[in-house]
C-alpha atoms as a PDB file:
ATOM      1  CA  MET A   1      60.691 -21.542-114.782  1.00  0.00           C
ATOM      2  CA  GLY A   2      62.432 -18.810-112.964  1.00  0.00           C
ATOM      3  CA  ASP A   3      63.183 -17.290-109.619  1.00  0.00           C
ATOM      4  CA  LYS A   4      59.652 -15.984-109.176  1.00  0.00           C
ATOM      5  CA  GLU A   5      58.312 -19.514-108.784  1.00  0.00           C
ATOM      6  CA  LEU A   6      60.902 -20.382-106.124  1.00  0.00           C
ATOM      7  CA  VAL A   7      60.282 -17.171-104.215  1.00  0.00           C
ATOM      8  CA  TRP A   8      56.503 -17.721-104.385  1.00  0.00           C
ATOM      9  CA  ALA A   9      56.908 -21.289-103.092  1.00  0.00           C
ATOM     10  CA  LEU A  10      59.045 -19.944-100.245  1.00  0.00           C
ATOM     11  CA  LYS A  11      56.585 -17.219 -99.343  1.00  0.00           C
ATOM     12  CA  THR A  12      53.586 -19.561 -99.395  1.00  0.00           C
ATOM     13  CA  GLY A  13      55.349 -22.377 -97.553  1.00  0.00           C
ATOM     14  CA  ASP A  14      54.837 -24.951-100.308  1.00  0.00           C
ATOM     15  CA  MET A  15      57.495 -27.417 -99.150  1.00  0.00           C
ATOM     16  CA  ASP A  16      57.077 -29.813-102.091  1.00  0.00           C
ATOM     17  CA  GLU A  17      57.513 -26.998-104.583  1.00  0.00           C
ATOM     18  CA  VAL A  18      60.531 -25.624-102.695  1.00  0.00           C
ATOM     19  CA  LYS A  19      62.173 -29.048-102.762  1.00  0.00           C
ATOM     20  CA  ALA A  20      61.467 -29.328-106.495  1.00  0.00           C
ATOM     21  CA  LYS A  21      63.061 -25.956-107.170  1.00  0.00           C
ATOM     22  CA  LEU A  22      66.146 -26.230-104.956  1.00  0.00           C
ATOM     23  CA  GLY A  23      68.250 -26.858-108.031  1.00  0.00           C
ATOM     24  CA  ALA A  24      68.019 -23.114-108.601  1.00  0.00           C
ATOM     25  CA  ASP A  25      70.771 -20.818-107.336  1.00  0.00           C
ATOM     26  CA  LYS A  26      69.560 -20.006-103.835  1.00  0.00           C
ATOM     27  CA  ASN A  27      71.816 -16.948-103.642  1.00  0.00           C
ATOM     28  CA  GLN A  28      70.478 -15.312-106.783  1.00  0.00           C
ATOM     29  CA  THR A  29      68.253 -12.320-106.184  1.00  0.00           C
ATOM     30  CA  GLY A  30      64.822 -11.896-107.682  1.00  0.00           C
ATOM     31  CA  PRO A  31      63.372  -8.777-109.293  1.00  0.00           C
ATOM     32  CA  ASP A  32      62.747  -7.296-105.861  1.00  0.00           C
ATOM     33  CA  GLY A  33      66.424  -7.660-104.930  1.00  0.00           C
ATOM     34  CA  ILE A  34      66.042 -10.295-102.227  1.00  0.00           C
ATOM     35  CA  THR A  35      67.345 -13.843-102.180  1.00  0.00           C
ATOM     36  CA  ALA A  36      65.203 -16.938-101.755  1.00  0.00           C
ATOM     37  CA  PHE A  37      66.503 -17.294 -98.183  1.00  0.00           C
ATOM     38  CA  GLU A  38      65.505 -13.722 -97.358  1.00  0.00           C
ATOM     39  CA  ALA A  39      62.046 -14.305 -98.848  1.00  0.00           C
ATOM     40  CA  ALA A  40      61.441 -17.416 -96.780  1.00  0.00           C
ATOM     41  CA  GLU A  41      59.082 -16.786 -93.906  1.00  0.00           C
ATOM     42  CA  ARG A  42      59.013 -20.278 -92.384  1.00  0.00           C
ATOM     43  CA  GLU A  43      61.944 -21.731 -90.471  1.00  0.00           C
ATOM     44  CA  GLU A  44      61.477 -25.116 -92.186  1.00  0.00           C
ATOM     45  CA  ILE A  45      62.124 -23.529 -95.562  1.00  0.00           C
ATOM     46  CA  LYS A  46      65.086 -21.526 -94.309  1.00  0.00           C
ATOM     47  CA  ALA A  47      66.572 -24.769 -93.004  1.00  0.00           C
ATOM     48  CA  LEU A  48      66.312 -26.271 -96.493  1.00  0.00           C
ATOM     49  CA  LEU A  49      68.197 -23.336 -97.964  1.00  0.00           C
ATOM     50  CA  LYS A  50      71.110 -23.288 -95.538  1.00  0.00           C
END
């Protein structure tokens, strides 16, 4: 598994998947150059990443 899965979970708002993947480095950027926090569109997910 990689960063793409975490970013996808963040973008789609899949809270269970985000929680499962939080062991990943949240500050690492994906292929598009943005972090998981920047990719998050929902405030609930951003709160998990703070």
